[in-house]
Amino acid sequence: MFSHFYKQTAVLKVTDGYDEYGKPDIVETKEIACRIEFKNTLVVGANGQEITSSGRLFTDDEIKIGDIVCIDDEDYKVEQAFLSTGLDGEYAVNEVYFASF
């Protein structure tokens, strides 16, 4: 629905928990089309604490909290993700807030 706005790309590193050293366990890496906005915003993280995000991105790809987004060779952790639907009830866009490690 919003794919004509996605003029940028990022690398999504899908994670599945952590290894024995506390590092994210990356199970898949793929390039995604998105729209990126760098702007500090206060969001509520997965643990319920307020976090200052480095920015947000919009994409059609499924992204979950804890995944890693690589933008211009710098990794960011996904702190919050919202799946939005249109007025017709169909999936519209994924809004993702990310922060530096």
Protein backbone atom coordinates (compact mmCIF):
# COMPACT_ATOMS: atom_id res chain seq x y z
CA MET A 1 0.00 0.00 0.00
CA PHE A 2 2.80 2.42 0.87
CA SER A 3 5.51 0.74 -1.19
CA HIS A 4 5.85 3.75 -3.53
CA PHE A 5 7.27 5.70 -0.53
CA TYR A 6 10.08 3.18 0.07
CA LYS A 7 13.04 4.84 -1.65
CA GLN A 8 15.74 3.53 0.74
CA THR A 9 17.09 0.13 1.68
CA ALA A 10 18.39 -1.41 4.89
CA VAL A 11 19.67 -4.84 5.87
CA LEU A 12 17.42 -6.74 8.27
CA LYS A 13 19.11 -9.28 10.53
CA VAL A 14 16.41 -11.56 11.94
CA THR A 15 17.32 -12.80 15.41
CA ASP A 16 16.18 -15.76 17.47
CA GLY A 17 17.26 -15.21 21.06
CA TYR A 18 20.83 -14.92 22.29
CA ASP A 19 23.86 -17.20 22.31
CA GLU A 20 25.78 -18.26 25.45
CA TYR A 21 27.81 -15.00 25.35
CA GLY A 22 24.75 -12.71 25.28
CA LYS A 23 25.10 -11.82 21.58
CA PRO A 24 22.00 -11.91 19.34
CA ASP A 25 21.66 -15.17 17.40
CA ILE A 26 21.17 -14.06 13.77
CA VAL A 27 19.22 -16.64 11.74
CA GLU A 28 18.53 -14.70 8.52
CA THR A 29 19.87 -11.62 6.73
CA LYS A 30 17.97 -9.86 3.94
CA GLU A 31 17.77 -6.47 2.26
CA ILE A 32 14.47 -4.64 2.69
CA ALA A 33 12.92 -1.63 0.99
CA CYS A 34 11.94 1.02 3.51
CA ARG A 35 11.63 4.68 4.41
CA ILE A 36 14.02 5.80 7.16
CA GLU A 37 13.62 8.84 9.41
CA PHE A 38 16.37 9.73 11.89
CA LYS A 39 14.70 11.56 14.77
CA ASN A 40 15.03 10.99 18.50
CA THR A 41 11.71 9.85 19.96
CA LEU A 42 10.75 8.55 23.37
CA VAL A 43 9.22 5.05 23.08
CA VAL A 44 8.36 2.29 25.53
CA GLY A 45 10.69 -0.67 25.05
CA ALA A 46 9.90 -4.38 25.36
CA ASN A 47 10.84 -4.34 29.05
CA GLY A 48 8.43 -1.47 29.81
CA GLN A 49 11.05 1.24 30.25
CA GLU A 50 11.16 4.44 28.24
CA ILE A 51 13.93 4.47 25.62
CA THR A 52 15.12 7.25 23.35
CA SER A 53 15.03 5.84 19.83
CA SER A 54 17.48 6.93 17.15
CA GLY A 55 14.81 6.90 14.46
CA ARG A 56 12.08 4.92 12.79
CA LEU A 57 11.47 3.16 9.53
CA PHE A 58 8.45 2.06 7.57
CA THR A 59 8.41 -1.18 5.59
CA ASP A 60 6.16 -3.95 4.31
CA ASP A 61 8.48 -6.63 5.72
CA GLU A 62 7.79 -8.28 9.05
CA ILE A 63 10.16 -7.04 11.76
CA LYS A 64 9.97 -7.96 15.42
CA ILE A 65 11.38 -6.46 18.60
CA GLY A 66 14.98 -7.58 19.10
CA ASP A 67 15.83 -7.82 15.39
CA ILE A 68 18.76 -5.79 14.06
CA VAL A 69 18.53 -3.22 11.28
CA CYS A 70 21.77 -2.25 9.50
CA ILE A 71 21.68 1.25 7.98
CA ASP A 72 24.82 2.60 6.27
CA ASP A 73 26.96 -0.15 7.87
CA GLU A 74 25.77 0.69 11.39
CA ASP A 75 23.66 -1.75 13.41
CA TYR A 76 20.57 -0.63 15.33
CA LYS A 77 18.38 -2.72 17.64
CA VAL A 78 14.62 -2.75 17.04
CA GLU A 79 13.01 -1.43 20.22
CA GLN A 80 9.36 -1.18 19.15
CA ALA A 81 7.35 -2.37 16.14
CA PHE A 82 3.78 -1.52 15.21
CA LEU A 83 1.77 -3.35 12.58
CA SER A 84 -0.75 -0.97 11.06
CA THR A 85 -3.86 -1.83 9.09
CA GLY A 86 -5.83 0.27 6.66
CA LEU A 87 -9.49 1.22 6.93
CA ASP A 88 -10.37 -1.93 5.01
CA GLY A 89 -8.76 -4.10 7.72
CA GLU A 90 -5.93 -5.22 5.46
CA TYR A 91 -2.25 -5.05 6.45
CA ALA A 92 -0.85 -1.63 5.52
CA VAL A 93 2.61 -0.93 6.93
CA ASN A 94 5.07 -1.90 9.67
CA GLU A 95 6.35 1.08 11.72
CA VAL A 96 9.61 0.26 13.52
CA TYR A 97 11.52 2.30 16.10
CA PHE A 98 15.23 1.53 16.44
CA ALA A 99 18.07 2.61 18.74
CA SER A 100 21.84 2.34 18.80
CA PHE A 101 23.35 -0.52 20.76
